[in-house]
Amino acid sequence: MNKDFYTVQEIADLLRVQVSAVRNRLSRGDPTLPPSIRVGGRRLFPVAAYQEWINALVGSAQAPDNAGRVLATAEPRRGRPRQASRGLA
């Protein structure tokens, strides 16, 4: 049986992250998740959109101009700066 949609649990399993991490990213509108739709009270991820999204990530990682870049955008650190960054090494 072919599926048309993944659930939040299945996306978490595919991305190897916690379900709570997926939900947090969804609530923040984080672009590091595949496209999703809301049906009633459920969030569903179309399988075709997931495949396109993951292929785009893999393709951009293999491109020669992206050598050494991280796939996900790093968020700026929050909290107190480290001693080394304050010049107190």
N, C-alpha and C. Protein backbone atom coordinates (compact mmCIF):
# COMPACT_ATOMS: atom_id res chain seq x y z
N MET A 1 0.83 -1.18 0.00
CA MET A 1 0.00 0.00 0.00
C MET A 1 0.88 1.25 0.00
N ASN A 2 0.69 2.11 -0.97
CA ASN A 2 1.44 3.35 -1.04
C ASN A 2 0.77 4.42 -0.20
N LYS A 3 1.57 5.14 0.54
CA LYS A 3 1.04 6.21 1.38
C LYS A 3 1.10 7.52 0.61
N ASP A 4 0.16 8.40 0.89
CA ASP A 4 0.18 9.73 0.30
C ASP A 4 0.75 10.75 1.26
N PHE A 5 0.65 10.48 2.57
CA PHE A 5 1.08 11.44 3.58
C PHE A 5 1.86 10.76 4.69
N TYR A 6 2.80 11.51 5.28
CA TYR A 6 3.49 11.09 6.50
C TYR A 6 2.90 11.87 7.66
N THR A 7 2.89 11.25 8.84
CA THR A 7 2.46 11.94 10.05
C THR A 7 3.68 12.61 10.70
N VAL A 8 3.43 13.37 11.74
CA VAL A 8 4.52 14.01 12.48
C VAL A 8 5.46 12.94 13.05
N GLN A 9 4.89 11.87 13.57
CA GLN A 9 5.70 10.77 14.12
C GLN A 9 6.61 10.16 13.04
N GLU A 10 6.07 9.93 11.86
CA GLU A 10 6.86 9.33 10.78
C GLU A 10 7.95 10.27 10.29
N ILE A 11 7.65 11.56 10.22
CA ILE A 11 8.68 12.53 9.82
C ILE A 11 9.79 12.57 10.86
N ALA A 12 9.42 12.54 12.14
CA ALA A 12 10.43 12.52 13.20
C ALA A 12 11.33 11.29 13.06
N ASP A 13 10.72 10.15 12.77
CA ASP A 13 11.50 8.93 12.58
C ASP A 13 12.42 9.04 11.36
N LEU A 14 11.91 9.57 10.27
CA LEU A 14 12.72 9.71 9.05
C LEU A 14 13.89 10.66 9.26
N LEU A 15 13.66 11.75 9.99
CA LEU A 15 14.71 12.75 10.22
C LEU A 15 15.57 12.41 11.43
N ARG A 16 15.19 11.35 12.15
CA ARG A 16 15.90 10.90 13.35
C ARG A 16 15.99 12.00 14.41
N VAL A 17 14.84 12.61 14.67
CA VAL A 17 14.72 13.60 15.74
C VAL A 17 13.50 13.24 16.58
N GLN A 18 13.36 13.90 17.72
CA GLN A 18 12.22 13.68 18.59
C GLN A 18 10.96 14.31 17.98
N VAL A 19 9.82 13.75 18.31
CA VAL A 19 8.54 14.30 17.85
C VAL A 19 8.39 15.73 18.35
N SER A 20 8.82 15.99 19.58
CA SER A 20 8.72 17.34 20.14
C SER A 20 9.57 18.33 19.34
N ALA A 21 10.69 17.88 18.81
CA ALA A 21 11.53 18.77 18.00
C ALA A 21 10.81 19.16 16.71
N VAL A 22 10.12 18.20 16.10
CA VAL A 22 9.36 18.50 14.88
C VAL A 22 8.24 19.48 15.21
N ARG A 23 7.53 19.24 16.31
CA ARG A 23 6.44 20.15 16.69
C ARG A 23 6.95 21.54 17.00
N ASN A 24 8.09 21.64 17.69
CA ASN A 24 8.67 22.95 17.98
C ASN A 24 9.05 23.68 16.70
N ARG A 25 9.66 22.97 15.77
CA ARG A 25 10.04 23.59 14.49
C ARG A 25 8.81 24.05 13.72
N LEU A 26 7.74 23.26 13.76
CA LEU A 26 6.50 23.64 13.08
C LEU A 26 5.92 24.92 13.69
N SER A 27 5.93 25.00 15.01
CA SER A 27 5.34 26.18 15.66
C SER A 27 6.17 27.43 15.40
N ARG A 28 7.48 27.28 15.20
CA ARG A 28 8.34 28.42 14.89
C ARG A 28 8.33 28.78 13.41
N GLY A 29 7.78 27.91 12.58
CA GLY A 29 7.82 28.15 11.14
C GLY A 29 9.20 27.91 10.56
N ASP A 30 9.93 27.00 11.17
CA ASP A 30 11.30 26.69 10.79
C ASP A 30 11.36 26.12 9.37
N PRO A 31 12.23 26.68 8.51
CA PRO A 31 12.31 26.18 7.13
C PRO A 31 13.10 24.88 6.99
N THR A 32 13.59 24.31 8.09
CA THR A 32 14.36 23.07 8.00
C THR A 32 13.48 21.83 8.09
N LEU A 33 12.20 21.99 7.78
CA LEU A 33 11.28 20.85 7.71
C LEU A 33 10.69 20.78 6.31
N PRO A 34 10.28 19.60 5.89
CA PRO A 34 9.62 19.49 4.58
C PRO A 34 8.26 20.18 4.60
N PRO A 35 7.72 20.51 3.43
CA PRO A 35 6.40 21.15 3.36
C PRO A 35 5.32 20.27 4.00
N SER A 36 4.36 20.92 4.63
CA SER A 36 3.28 20.18 5.27
C SER A 36 1.96 20.91 5.07
N ILE A 37 0.88 20.18 5.34
CA ILE A 37 -0.46 20.77 5.29
C ILE A 37 -1.17 20.44 6.59
N ARG A 38 -2.17 21.23 6.90
CA ARG A 38 -2.96 21.00 8.10
C ARG A 38 -4.33 20.48 7.66
N VAL A 39 -4.71 19.34 8.18
CA VAL A 39 -6.00 18.74 7.87
C VAL A 39 -6.71 18.52 9.20
N GLY A 40 -7.73 19.32 9.44
CA GLY A 40 -8.39 19.27 10.74
C GLY A 40 -7.41 19.69 11.81
N GLY A 41 -7.18 18.87 12.79
CA GLY A 41 -6.21 19.18 13.83
C GLY A 41 -4.89 18.48 13.63
N ARG A 42 -4.72 17.82 12.48
CA ARG A 42 -3.49 17.06 12.22
C ARG A 42 -2.59 17.77 11.23
N ARG A 43 -1.30 17.58 11.38
CA ARG A 43 -0.31 18.09 10.44
C ARG A 43 0.18 16.91 9.62
N LEU A 44 0.05 17.01 8.30
CA LEU A 44 0.45 15.92 7.41
C LEU A 44 1.49 16.42 6.42
N PHE A 45 2.40 15.55 6.07
CA PHE A 45 3.49 15.85 5.15
C PHE A 45 3.31 15.02 3.89
N PRO A 46 3.00 15.62 2.74
CA PRO A 46 2.85 14.84 1.51
C PRO A 46 4.16 14.09 1.17
N VAL A 47 4.03 12.83 0.86
CA VAL A 47 5.20 12.00 0.56
C VAL A 47 5.98 12.56 -0.63
N ALA A 48 5.27 12.98 -1.68
CA ALA A 48 5.95 13.53 -2.87
C ALA A 48 6.72 14.79 -2.52
N ALA A 49 6.13 15.66 -1.70
CA ALA A 49 6.82 16.90 -1.30
C ALA A 49 8.03 16.59 -0.44
N TYR A 50 7.93 15.57 0.42
CA TYR A 50 9.07 15.16 1.25
C TYR A 50 10.21 14.67 0.35
N GLN A 51 9.87 13.83 -0.64
CA GLN A 51 10.90 13.31 -1.54
C GLN A 51 11.60 14.43 -2.30
N GLU A 52 10.83 15.40 -2.80
CA GLU A 52 11.44 16.55 -3.50
C GLU A 52 12.33 17.34 -2.56
N TRP A 53 11.88 17.57 -1.33
CA TRP A 53 12.63 18.34 -0.35
C TRP A 53 13.95 17.65 -0.01
N ILE A 54 13.90 16.34 0.24
CA ILE A 54 15.11 15.63 0.62
C ILE A 54 16.08 15.53 -0.57
N ASN A 55 15.55 15.37 -1.78
CA ASN A 55 16.41 15.34 -2.97
C ASN A 55 17.08 16.68 -3.20
N ALA A 56 16.37 17.77 -2.92
CA ALA A 56 16.97 19.11 -3.06
C ALA A 56 18.10 19.29 -2.05
N LEU A 57 17.90 18.80 -0.82
CA LEU A 57 18.95 18.90 0.18
C LEU A 57 20.17 18.08 -0.20
N VAL A 58 19.94 16.87 -0.66
CA VAL A 58 21.05 16.01 -1.06
C VAL A 58 21.75 16.59 -2.27
N GLY A 59 20.98 17.11 -3.22
CA GLY A 59 21.59 17.71 -4.41
C GLY A 59 22.41 18.94 -4.08
N SER A 60 21.95 19.77 -3.15
CA SER A 60 22.71 20.97 -2.80
C SER A 60 23.95 20.61 -2.00
N ALA A 61 23.92 19.49 -1.27
CA ALA A 61 25.09 19.07 -0.50
C ALA A 61 26.17 18.52 -1.42
N GLN A 62 25.78 17.99 -2.57
CA GLN A 62 26.74 17.40 -3.50
C GLN A 62 27.27 18.42 -4.51
N ALA A 63 26.67 19.60 -4.55
CA ALA A 63 27.11 20.61 -5.50
C ALA A 63 28.51 21.10 -5.11
N PRO A 64 29.42 21.30 -6.09
CA PRO A 64 30.79 21.68 -5.76
C PRO A 64 30.91 23.06 -5.12
N ASP A 65 29.98 23.98 -5.39
CA ASP A 65 30.08 25.32 -4.81
C ASP A 65 29.64 25.34 -3.35
N ASN A 66 29.05 24.26 -2.85
CA ASN A 66 28.59 24.21 -1.47
C ASN A 66 29.51 23.35 -0.59
N ALA A 67 30.72 23.12 -1.02
CA ALA A 67 31.62 22.26 -0.27
C ALA A 67 31.88 22.84 1.12
N GLY A 68 31.66 22.01 2.12
CA GLY A 68 31.93 22.43 3.49
C GLY A 68 30.81 23.18 4.17
N ARG A 69 29.73 23.45 3.48
CA ARG A 69 28.62 24.17 4.11
C ARG A 69 27.70 23.20 4.83
N VAL A 70 27.05 23.67 5.85
CA VAL A 70 26.11 22.86 6.62
C VAL A 70 24.75 22.97 5.96
N LEU A 71 24.00 21.84 5.90
CA LEU A 71 22.69 21.85 5.26
C LEU A 71 21.71 22.74 6.00
N ALA A 72 21.61 22.58 7.30
CA ALA A 72 20.66 23.37 8.08
C ALA A 72 21.32 24.68 8.48
N THR A 73 20.53 25.74 8.48
CA THR A 73 21.07 27.02 8.89
C THR A 73 21.25 27.04 10.39
N ALA A 74 22.41 27.50 10.83
CA ALA A 74 22.68 27.55 12.26
C ALA A 74 22.04 28.79 12.86
N GLU A 75 21.38 28.59 13.99
CA GLU A 75 20.78 29.72 14.67
C GLU A 75 21.83 30.39 15.54
N PRO A 76 21.74 31.70 15.74
CA PRO A 76 22.71 32.36 16.61
C PRO A 76 22.57 31.83 18.04
N ARG A 77 23.68 31.76 18.73
CA ARG A 77 23.66 31.28 20.11
C ARG A 77 22.91 32.24 21.00
N ARG A 78 22.22 31.68 21.98
CA ARG A 78 21.54 32.51 22.95
C ARG A 78 22.22 32.33 24.30
N GLY A 79 22.01 33.28 25.19
CA GLY A 79 22.57 33.17 26.52
C GLY A 79 23.87 33.95 26.65
N ARG A 80 24.57 33.69 27.74
CA ARG A 80 25.82 34.40 28.00
C ARG A 80 26.89 33.97 27.02
N PRO A 81 27.71 34.91 26.59
CA PRO A 81 28.82 34.52 25.70
C PRO A 81 29.86 33.73 26.47
N ARG A 82 30.59 32.92 25.76
CA ARG A 82 31.68 32.16 26.38
C ARG A 82 32.80 33.10 26.75
N GLN A 83 33.64 32.68 27.67
CA GLN A 83 34.76 33.53 28.10
C GLN A 83 35.69 33.85 26.94
N ALA A 84 35.94 32.87 26.08
CA ALA A 84 36.85 33.10 24.96
C ALA A 84 36.32 34.17 24.02
N SER A 85 35.00 34.25 23.86
CA SER A 85 34.45 35.24 22.95
C SER A 85 34.42 36.64 23.59
N ARG A 86 34.64 36.73 24.92
CA ARG A 86 34.71 38.04 25.58
C ARG A 86 36.16 38.50 25.68
N GLY A 87 37.08 37.73 25.11
CA GLY A 87 38.48 38.13 25.15
C GLY A 87 39.18 37.77 26.44
N LEU A 88 38.62 36.83 27.22
CA LEU A 88 39.21 36.44 28.49
C LEU A 88 39.80 35.05 28.45
N ALA A 89 40.37 34.67 27.33
CA ALA A 89 40.88 33.31 27.15
C ALA A 89 41.94 33.02 28.10
